[in-house]
Amino acid sequence: MKIEFKRNHPLAQIPEYKTSGAAAFDIAIVEDAMIEARSITKIRTGLVINVPDDHALLIISRSSNPFKKGIDLANSVGVIDSDYCGPNDELALLVKNITDEPIELKAGDRVAQGLFTPVTRPEFQEVDEMIAKDRGGFGTTGQ
C-alpha cells in the first residue's frame, strides 16, 4: 500500500517505521512548545496524510510519553478519516501536560504514533428487543 503525504512545514519529518516489527510510525512536532501544568496545547506536525478509502489513521500517544516526558494526548486516540486530506488538513496533536510543572517540547520531538486500520461500515438495523443473555451492564466482567 502506498500512502501519499505532504509536508506543510520544512521541519516535518517523513513518516517512517523505526523497526521492522513496528505496527505504527512515529509522528514528530515541528515547533517548540511550552505546555503549562495540567493544561492542553495544540501542536503542529506539518503533515497532511492521505488515508486510503476504507481505512482510518489512528493517532496514538507514544507509550513512553507519560513516564519520560510527562505528557499524553488529550483525546487519547485521534481518528483521521479518509476524506481529511485537503491541502490544509494538517495533523495536529492535542498534547496534555499531566504534571504539576511546565513541560517544554522541542521541534523534532516524537510525541505520537500513527496506525492505519481497515474500517468496516455496517448497515444499522433497529430492533424492538435484544435477545442475547443480559450480562448486567457496564463493568460486569470484573473489578
Protein backbone atom coordinates (compact mmCIF):
# COMPACT_ATOMS: atom_id res chain seq x y z
CA MET A 1 0.00 0.00 0.00
CA LYS A 2 1.36 3.43 -0.93
CA ILE A 3 0.43 6.38 1.28
CA GLU A 4 0.57 9.90 -0.12
CA PHE A 5 1.62 12.67 2.24
CA LYS A 6 2.54 16.33 2.01
CA ARG A 7 4.82 18.35 4.25
CA ASN A 8 3.33 21.74 5.12
CA HIS A 9 6.41 22.76 7.09
CA PRO A 10 10.13 22.38 6.33
CA LEU A 11 10.75 20.59 9.66
CA ALA A 12 8.03 17.99 9.10
CA GLN A 13 9.54 14.53 9.35
CA ILE A 14 8.82 11.95 6.68
CA PRO A 15 6.70 9.21 8.25
CA GLU A 16 8.74 6.06 8.84
CA TYR A 17 8.59 2.88 10.84
CA LYS A 18 11.57 2.75 13.24
CA THR A 19 11.85 -1.05 13.39
CA SER A 20 10.91 -3.90 11.08
CA GLY A 21 8.22 -5.07 13.52
CA ALA A 22 6.73 -1.65 14.31
CA ALA A 23 2.95 -1.53 13.89
CA ALA A 24 2.87 2.28 13.97
CA PHE A 25 5.04 5.10 12.64
CA ASP A 26 6.28 7.94 14.82
CA ILE A 27 4.90 11.47 14.47
CA ALA A 28 7.06 14.43 15.45
CA ILE A 29 6.18 18.06 16.09
CA VAL A 30 7.50 20.96 14.00
CA GLU A 31 7.51 23.70 16.61
CA ASP A 32 8.77 24.26 20.13
CA ALA A 33 6.00 24.25 22.71
CA MET A 34 5.72 25.17 26.37
CA ILE A 35 2.79 23.40 27.99
CA GLU A 36 1.74 24.79 31.33
CA ALA A 37 1.00 22.45 34.22
CA ARG A 38 -2.19 20.43 33.78
CA SER A 39 -3.08 22.15 30.51
CA ILE A 40 -3.56 21.21 26.85
CA THR A 41 -1.79 22.68 23.82
CA LYS A 42 -2.42 22.12 20.11
CA ILE A 43 0.88 21.42 18.32
CA ARG A 44 1.55 21.15 14.58
CA THR A 45 3.07 18.12 12.87
CA GLY A 46 3.44 19.73 9.45
CA LEU A 47 1.94 16.63 7.80
CA VAL A 48 -1.11 16.03 5.64
CA ILE A 49 -1.63 12.31 5.11
CA ASN A 50 -3.94 10.82 2.50
CA VAL A 51 -5.63 7.92 4.29
CA PRO A 52 -6.80 5.24 1.82
CA ASP A 53 -10.50 4.62 1.31
CA ASP A 54 -11.92 2.03 3.73
CA HIS A 55 -9.18 2.87 6.26
CA ALA A 56 -8.65 5.22 9.17
CA LEU A 57 -5.44 6.57 10.64
CA LEU A 58 -5.37 6.31 14.42
CA ILE A 59 -3.17 8.86 16.19
CA ILE A 60 -1.97 7.40 19.49
CA SER A 61 0.35 8.62 22.21
CA ARG A 62 3.79 7.00 22.35
CA SER A 63 3.81 4.61 25.29
CA SER A 64 6.79 6.31 26.95
CA ASN A 65 5.23 9.80 26.94
CA PRO A 66 3.71 9.84 30.44
CA PHE A 67 6.78 8.38 32.11
CA LYS A 68 9.58 10.08 30.15
CA LYS A 69 8.01 13.38 29.07
CA GLY A 70 5.09 13.96 31.47
CA ILE A 71 2.65 14.29 28.58
CA ASP A 72 -0.15 12.37 26.93
CA LEU A 73 -2.59 13.03 24.10
CA ALA A 74 -5.66 14.84 25.41
CA ASN A 75 -8.11 12.94 23.22
CA SER A 76 -6.44 9.54 23.88
CA VAL A 77 -6.87 8.39 20.28
CA GLY A 78 -7.41 10.65 17.30
CA VAL A 79 -9.25 9.26 14.29
CA ILE A 80 -8.24 10.61 10.88
CA ASP A 81 -10.85 9.84 8.22
CA SER A 82 -10.03 9.07 4.59
CA ASP A 83 -11.61 12.35 3.46
CA TYR A 84 -9.43 14.52 5.73
CA CYS A 85 -6.61 15.14 3.28
CA GLY A 86 -7.08 18.56 1.74
CA PRO A 87 -4.11 20.93 1.43
CA ASN A 88 -4.79 22.48 4.85
CA ASP A 89 -5.90 19.31 6.67
CA GLU A 90 -2.66 19.10 8.62
CA LEU A 91 -2.43 16.65 11.50
CA ALA A 92 -2.34 18.48 14.81
CA LEU A 93 -1.79 16.96 18.23
CA LEU A 94 -3.65 17.94 21.38
CA VAL A 95 -0.91 17.41 23.94
CA LYS A 96 -1.76 17.35 27.63
CA ASN A 97 0.73 18.09 30.40
CA ILE A 98 -0.08 15.58 33.14
CA THR A 99 2.36 17.07 35.67
CA ASP A 100 2.28 20.00 38.08
CA GLU A 101 5.21 21.71 36.31
CA PRO A 102 5.53 23.31 32.85
CA ILE A 103 6.81 20.94 30.14
CA GLU A 104 8.95 22.12 27.24
CA LEU A 105 8.86 20.22 23.96
CA LYS A 106 11.21 20.89 21.06
CA ALA A 107 10.63 20.75 17.32
CA GLY A 108 11.52 17.26 16.19
CA ASP A 109 10.30 15.55 19.37
CA ARG A 110 8.34 12.40 18.55
CA VAL A 111 5.19 12.58 20.66
CA ALA A 112 2.64 10.44 18.81
CA GLN A 113 2.38 7.47 16.52
CA GLY A 114 0.12 6.65 13.60
CA LEU A 115 -1.56 3.33 12.92
CA PHE A 116 -3.54 2.56 9.76
CA THR A 117 -6.52 0.28 10.26
CA PRO A 118 -9.21 -1.06 7.94
CA VAL A 119 -12.70 0.30 8.50
CA THR A 120 -15.95 -1.61 8.03
CA ARG A 121 -19.11 0.46 7.67
CA PRO A 122 -22.04 -1.77 8.59
CA GLU A 123 -25.70 -1.09 8.00
CA PHE A 124 -27.54 -0.39 11.25
CA GLN A 125 -30.85 -2.11 11.86
CA GLU A 126 -33.07 -1.08 14.76
CA VAL A 127 -34.79 -3.91 16.62
CA ASP A 128 -37.51 -3.93 19.28
CA GLU A 129 -35.65 -6.29 21.57
CA MET A 130 -32.15 -7.70 22.10
CA ILE A 131 -32.35 -11.46 22.58
CA ALA A 132 -28.87 -12.23 23.95
CA LYS A 133 -28.49 -13.11 27.62
CA ASP A 134 -28.17 -9.97 29.81
CA ARG A 135 -24.73 -9.66 31.44
CA GLY A 136 -25.69 -6.88 33.83
CA GLY A 137 -24.35 -3.74 32.20
CA PHE A 138 -21.19 -1.69 32.46
CA GLY A 139 -18.23 -3.24 34.30
CA THR A 140 -19.68 -6.73 34.63
CA THR A 141 -16.57 -8.71 33.64
CA GLY A 142 -14.64 -7.99 36.80
CA GLN A 143 -13.40 -5.36 39.19
